[in-house]
Amino acid sequence: MTINILGQDYDMQETNAKDDVRMTDLDGYCDCFGKTIRINNDFNENNPACISNLPMYKQRVMRHEIIHAFFEESGLKEYKGDELIVEWIACQFSKMEKAFQQAGAL
């Protein structure tokens, strides 16, 4: 799928370490130079990192990687590598969106 980040198209797909060696030990990554976002689809019940609500977790990973791209395309490259800020936004975004909707701020 193609998503638009501030006027720049990014190719976003699911993959795994067998098909993409960069995915080894990652849940996802954003390649800002290649304009790609990849999400790991290799989770199963035998995987010790398996998450109980996998669809919700994958959504959070997608948000996380998209936020990296937003920082890059905004010219805020110093923040694109700040995993603490990126993860905080990814975790809190749905709550922020709900508050914005309640306030009529969207």
Protein backbone atom coordinates (compact mmCIF):
# COMPACT_ATOMS: atom_id res chain seq x y z
CA MET A 1 0.00 0.00 0.00
CA THR A 2 1.13 3.55 -0.59
CA ILE A 3 0.65 6.19 2.08
CA ASN A 4 1.30 9.89 1.71
CA ILE A 5 3.44 11.57 4.35
CA LEU A 6 3.43 15.35 3.88
CA GLY A 7 3.45 15.06 0.09
CA GLN A 8 5.92 12.16 -0.10
CA ASP A 9 4.68 8.68 -1.01
CA TYR A 10 5.91 5.80 1.16
CA ASP A 11 5.49 2.14 0.26
CA MET A 12 4.21 0.32 3.36
CA GLN A 13 4.12 -3.46 3.44
CA GLU A 14 4.32 -6.39 5.81
CA THR A 15 7.35 -8.65 5.58
CA ASN A 16 9.59 -10.84 7.74
CA ALA A 17 13.25 -11.63 8.32
CA LYS A 18 13.20 -14.44 5.74
CA ASP A 19 12.25 -11.95 3.01
CA ASP A 20 13.99 -8.85 4.41
CA VAL A 21 17.17 -9.31 6.43
CA ARG A 22 16.75 -5.80 7.91
CA MET A 23 13.65 -7.11 9.72
CA THR A 24 15.76 -9.40 11.95
CA ASP A 25 14.84 -8.66 15.57
CA LEU A 26 12.58 -5.76 14.57
CA ASP A 27 8.83 -5.27 14.67
CA GLY A 28 9.09 -2.69 11.90
CA TYR A 29 11.29 -0.05 10.36
CA CYS A 30 11.08 3.15 8.34
CA ASP A 31 13.64 3.67 5.59
CA CYS A 32 13.36 7.40 4.97
CA PHE A 33 15.88 7.30 2.13
CA GLY A 34 14.08 4.48 0.32
CA LYS A 35 10.66 5.89 1.29
CA THR A 36 9.55 2.50 2.64
CA ILE A 37 7.91 1.32 5.83
CA ARG A 38 8.02 -2.36 6.70
CA ILE A 39 6.04 -4.14 9.41
CA ASN A 40 6.98 -7.59 10.68
CA ASN A 41 4.27 -10.18 9.99
CA ASP A 42 6.14 -13.10 11.57
CA PHE A 43 4.40 -13.38 14.92
CA ASN A 44 2.90 -16.63 16.13
CA GLU A 45 2.05 -18.38 19.37
CA ASN A 46 5.44 -20.12 19.44
CA ASN A 47 7.28 -16.80 19.25
CA PRO A 48 8.28 -15.61 22.75
CA ALA A 49 7.66 -12.02 21.61
CA CYS A 50 4.08 -12.83 20.59
CA ILE A 51 1.55 -10.24 21.67
CA SER A 52 -1.90 -11.29 22.93
CA ASN A 53 -3.74 -8.68 20.81
CA LEU A 54 -1.69 -8.85 17.63
CA PRO A 55 -3.94 -6.65 15.42
CA MET A 56 -3.79 -3.81 17.97
CA TYR A 57 -0.03 -4.23 18.37
CA LYS A 58 0.52 -4.15 14.59
CA GLN A 59 -1.47 -0.91 14.43
CA ARG A 60 0.79 0.61 17.05
CA VAL A 61 3.90 -0.53 15.18
CA MET A 62 2.47 1.04 11.99
CA ARG A 63 1.82 4.31 13.83
CA HIS A 64 5.34 4.20 15.26
CA GLU A 65 6.99 3.80 11.86
CA ILE A 66 4.71 6.41 10.22
CA ILE A 67 5.70 8.90 12.94
CA HIS A 68 9.37 8.35 12.06
CA ALA A 69 8.46 9.30 8.48
CA PHE A 70 6.52 12.39 9.60
CA PHE A 71 9.54 13.65 11.54
CA GLU A 72 11.77 13.05 8.50
CA GLU A 73 9.43 14.75 6.03
CA SER A 74 8.86 17.66 8.44
CA GLY A 75 12.57 18.38 8.48
CA LEU A 76 12.80 17.33 12.14
CA LYS A 77 15.46 14.74 11.51
CA GLU A 78 16.85 15.12 15.04
CA TYR A 79 13.56 13.71 16.40
CA LYS A 80 13.09 10.93 13.86
CA GLY A 81 15.60 8.79 15.76
CA ASP A 82 14.23 9.61 19.21
CA GLU A 83 12.53 6.31 20.03
CA LEU A 84 11.10 7.64 23.30
CA ILE A 85 9.16 10.47 21.64
CA VAL A 86 8.15 8.37 18.63
CA GLU A 87 6.86 5.54 20.82
CA TRP A 88 5.05 7.95 23.17
CA ILE A 89 3.17 9.47 20.23
CA ALA A 90 2.42 6.02 18.79
CA CYS A 91 1.00 4.85 22.12
CA GLN A 92 -0.96 8.01 22.92
CA PHE A 93 -2.20 9.00 19.47
CA SER A 94 -5.60 7.28 19.66
CA LYS A 95 -6.26 8.96 23.02
CA MET A 96 -5.18 12.30 21.59
CA GLU A 97 -7.41 11.81 18.54
CA LYS A 98 -10.39 11.05 20.79
CA ALA A 99 -9.78 14.20 22.87
CA PHE A 100 -9.43 16.30 19.69
CA GLN A 101 -12.71 14.87 18.40
CA GLN A 102 -14.48 15.58 21.69
CA ALA A 103 -13.22 19.15 21.60
CA GLY A 104 -14.17 19.64 17.94
CA ALA A 105 -10.52 20.31 17.18
CA LEU A 106 -10.22 18.15 14.07
